[in-house]
Amino acid sequence: MQVSKDGRDWRIGAAADVGWIAGHTTAGVSITTAIPPVFDAYATTYQADDVTAAAYEQALVEDLITHTPDQPWWLAYLDTGAHDVVFPRAPRVSLYWDWPYVLVEAGPEQALTWRTGGHMRHGRGALPDLFFPADRSWLVSALWDDAWACIGGPAPVIHTLERDPVANARQIRPDEDALPPGLTRE
């Protein structure tokens, strides 16, 4: 299926496009609750209080772009009933605990601009709730009730994010609690 936006058609994803994630995460507090245990390195990231949503999201996406060959990205928006899913009439795919996501094949520019109604993390920002490149070399996922995002990918991607003070990332082990220092669970 395709949907139109910005004067062009975009492919809507199906269960097969996220099959490598669905059923491959584990319930709990570790990063593997959001990210399948298939990557070399893992980190958490969140917007610091002294950084704008736009600056944080731009830094995160730019860091990911530097390690990603030119290719489409899959953008997934969690349908909570209260947050912008960009394509409200598009079919959903189920992830995690049968949560419904709108999955669209687009790119980094759309990841930064499509969502206008905010998301769960502080109600501001444009980033999708889950996104990854077509080659699945990394994955960013923010679960419904988390104020941070989890990332899995090659070690150079994680190290780049760690070195970027605006991206505010911290490397963690797959079995470690994903909660960043200073934040609390709701």
Protein backbone atom coordinates (compact mmCIF):
# COMPACT_ATOMS: atom_id res chain seq x y z
CA MET A 1 0.00 0.00 0.00
CA GLN A 2 1.08 3.56 -0.63
CA VAL A 3 0.00 6.89 0.80
CA SER A 4 0.55 10.39 -0.51
CA LYS A 5 2.26 13.25 1.28
CA ASP A 6 4.43 16.16 0.18
CA GLY A 7 3.49 15.56 -3.45
CA ARG A 8 4.70 11.98 -3.65
CA ASP A 9 3.74 8.43 -2.74
CA TRP A 10 5.22 6.60 0.25
CA ARG A 11 5.20 2.88 0.88
CA ILE A 12 3.40 1.68 4.01
CA GLY A 13 5.20 -1.19 5.71
CA ALA A 14 3.82 -4.55 6.69
CA ALA A 15 4.54 -7.11 9.39
CA ALA A 16 7.32 -8.66 7.26
CA ASP A 17 9.24 -5.36 7.36
CA VAL A 18 9.46 -5.47 11.17
CA GLY A 19 9.56 -9.26 11.55
CA TRP A 20 13.18 -9.02 12.64
CA ILE A 21 12.02 -6.97 15.67
CA ALA A 22 8.62 -8.51 16.46
CA GLY A 23 8.96 -11.40 18.87
CA HIS A 24 12.72 -10.88 19.24
CA THR A 25 12.71 -8.55 22.24
CA THR A 26 12.38 -9.57 25.88
CA ALA A 27 10.13 -8.09 28.56
CA GLY A 28 11.93 -6.36 31.40
CA VAL A 29 14.01 -3.25 32.05
CA SER A 30 17.05 -3.99 29.86
CA ILE A 31 17.61 -2.45 26.45
CA THR A 32 16.55 -5.72 24.82
CA THR A 33 12.98 -4.82 25.81
CA ALA A 34 13.09 -2.31 22.92
CA ILE A 35 16.00 -3.56 20.78
CA PRO A 36 16.53 -7.16 19.64
CA PRO A 37 19.86 -8.62 20.86
CA VAL A 38 21.42 -8.64 17.37
CA PHE A 39 23.72 -5.60 17.49
CA ASP A 40 27.36 -5.08 18.45
CA ALA A 41 26.62 -2.14 20.77
CA TYR A 42 23.72 -0.45 22.57
CA ALA A 43 22.97 2.94 24.09
CA THR A 44 20.22 5.09 25.52
CA THR A 45 19.66 8.72 24.59
CA TYR A 46 17.34 11.49 25.69
CA GLN A 47 16.87 15.20 25.29
CA ALA A 48 18.62 17.11 28.07
CA ASP A 49 16.66 19.93 29.72
CA ASP A 50 19.00 22.61 28.34
CA VAL A 51 18.68 21.45 24.71
CA THR A 52 15.76 22.15 22.38
CA ALA A 53 13.85 19.26 20.83
CA ALA A 54 14.88 20.42 17.35
CA ALA A 55 18.60 20.56 18.25
CA TYR A 56 18.52 17.16 19.97
CA GLU A 57 16.68 15.42 17.16
CA GLN A 58 18.86 17.04 14.47
CA ALA A 59 22.04 15.92 16.28
CA LEU A 60 20.76 12.36 16.69
CA VAL A 61 19.73 12.04 13.04
CA GLU A 62 22.92 13.68 11.73
CA ASP A 63 25.05 11.28 13.78
CA LEU A 64 23.11 8.34 12.34
CA ILE A 65 23.39 9.68 8.78
CA THR A 66 27.20 9.82 9.05
CA HIS A 67 27.27 6.04 9.52
CA THR A 68 24.51 5.10 7.08
CA PRO A 69 24.90 4.68 3.32
CA ASP A 70 22.25 6.48 1.27
CA GLN A 71 19.11 4.35 1.55
CA PRO A 72 15.49 4.55 2.71
CA TRP A 73 14.65 4.58 6.40
CA TRP A 74 11.64 2.91 7.98
CA LEU A 75 9.75 5.33 10.25
CA ALA A 76 7.22 3.95 12.73
CA TYR A 77 4.70 6.00 14.68
CA LEU A 78 2.98 4.42 17.68
CA ASP A 79 -0.79 4.86 17.64
CA THR A 80 -1.68 5.80 21.21
CA GLY A 81 -4.87 7.54 20.14
CA ALA A 82 -3.46 10.82 21.42
CA HIS A 83 -0.29 11.36 19.35
CA ASP A 84 0.37 12.15 15.69
CA VAL A 85 0.90 9.03 13.54
CA VAL A 86 1.33 11.13 10.34
CA PHE A 87 -0.91 8.81 8.27
CA PRO A 88 -4.00 8.24 10.44
CA ARG A 89 -5.80 6.03 7.89
CA ALA A 90 -2.83 3.77 7.10
CA PRO A 91 -2.80 0.12 8.22
CA ARG A 92 -0.87 -0.70 11.40
CA VAL A 93 1.79 -3.28 12.22
CA SER A 94 2.05 -4.79 15.71
CA LEU A 95 5.22 -4.66 17.76
CA TYR A 96 6.20 -5.34 21.35
CA TRP A 97 2.97 -6.01 23.27
CA ASP A 98 0.73 -5.80 20.17
CA TRP A 99 1.11 -2.02 20.09
CA PRO A 100 -0.10 -0.60 16.73
CA TYR A 101 2.43 1.35 14.65
CA VAL A 102 2.10 3.12 11.31
CA LEU A 103 5.24 2.06 9.39
CA VAL A 104 6.36 4.16 6.41
CA GLU A 105 9.40 3.86 4.14
CA ALA A 106 10.87 7.37 3.85
CA GLY A 107 14.15 8.91 5.03
CA PRO A 108 15.94 11.09 7.57
CA GLU A 109 14.39 14.34 6.31
CA GLN A 110 10.90 12.97 6.88
CA ALA A 111 11.94 11.62 10.30
CA LEU A 112 12.71 15.20 11.31
CA THR A 113 9.71 16.94 9.76
CA TRP A 114 6.61 14.80 9.35
CA ARG A 115 5.28 14.61 12.88
CA THR A 116 3.75 17.91 13.86
CA GLY A 117 1.50 16.93 16.77
CA GLY A 118 4.30 15.90 19.11
CA HIS A 119 4.97 12.53 20.69
CA MET A 120 4.97 10.94 24.08
CA ARG A 121 8.42 12.11 25.15
CA HIS A 122 7.58 15.52 26.63
CA GLY A 123 4.90 16.11 23.95
CA ARG A 124 7.38 17.85 21.67
CA GLY A 125 9.57 16.90 18.79
CA ALA A 126 9.07 15.23 15.44
CA LEU A 127 10.99 11.96 15.60
CA PRO A 128 9.18 8.70 14.98
CA ASP A 129 8.82 6.34 17.93
CA LEU A 130 10.89 3.72 16.11
CA PHE A 131 13.13 4.02 13.04
CA PHE A 132 15.86 2.14 11.20
CA PRO A 133 17.55 2.09 7.78
CA ALA A 134 16.53 -0.43 5.12
CA ASP A 135 19.73 -2.44 5.75
CA ARG A 136 18.78 -2.78 9.46
CA SER A 137 22.27 -1.74 10.53
CA TRP A 138 20.88 0.15 13.54
CA LEU A 139 17.57 0.64 15.32
CA VAL A 140 16.21 3.49 17.45
CA SER A 141 13.14 2.71 19.56
CA ALA A 142 11.35 4.64 22.29
CA LEU A 143 8.78 2.57 24.13
CA TRP A 144 5.36 3.96 24.99
CA ASP A 145 6.08 4.96 28.57
CA ASP A 146 9.79 5.83 28.34
CA ALA A 147 11.19 9.38 28.22
CA TRP A 148 14.31 8.09 26.46
CA ALA A 149 15.16 6.14 23.32
CA CYS A 150 17.13 2.92 23.00
CA ILE A 151 19.61 2.37 20.18
CA GLY A 152 21.32 -0.73 18.87
CA GLY A 153 23.91 -0.72 16.12
CA PRO A 154 27.56 -1.02 15.19
CA ALA A 155 30.05 0.20 17.81
CA PRO A 156 31.15 3.21 15.67
CA VAL A 157 27.55 4.49 15.59
CA ILE A 158 27.21 4.20 19.35
CA HIS A 159 30.62 5.82 19.94
CA THR A 160 29.69 8.77 17.68
CA LEU A 161 26.48 9.30 19.65
CA GLU A 162 28.39 9.09 22.96
CA ARG A 163 30.85 11.77 21.82
CA ASP A 164 28.07 14.16 20.78
CA PRO A 165 26.97 16.14 23.86
CA VAL A 166 23.68 17.16 22.21
CA ALA A 167 22.78 13.53 21.40
CA ASN A 168 23.29 12.79 25.10
CA ALA A 169 23.87 9.04 24.62
CA ARG A 170 25.27 6.52 27.08
CA GLN A 171 26.49 3.08 26.03
CA ILE A 172 25.05 0.18 28.00
CA ARG A 173 25.30 -3.61 27.98
CA PRO A 174 22.38 -5.68 26.67
CA ASP A 175 21.61 -7.02 30.17
CA GLU A 176 21.87 -3.63 31.90
CA ASP A 177 18.86 -1.55 33.03
CA ALA A 178 18.14 0.89 30.19
CA LEU A 179 17.01 3.70 32.52
CA PRO A 180 19.40 6.65 32.02
CA PRO A 181 20.86 8.18 35.19
CA GLY A 182 18.70 11.03 36.50
CA LEU A 183 15.48 9.83 34.88
CA THR A 184 12.66 7.90 36.51
CA ARG A 185 10.16 5.37 35.22
CA GLU A 186 6.54 6.40 35.17
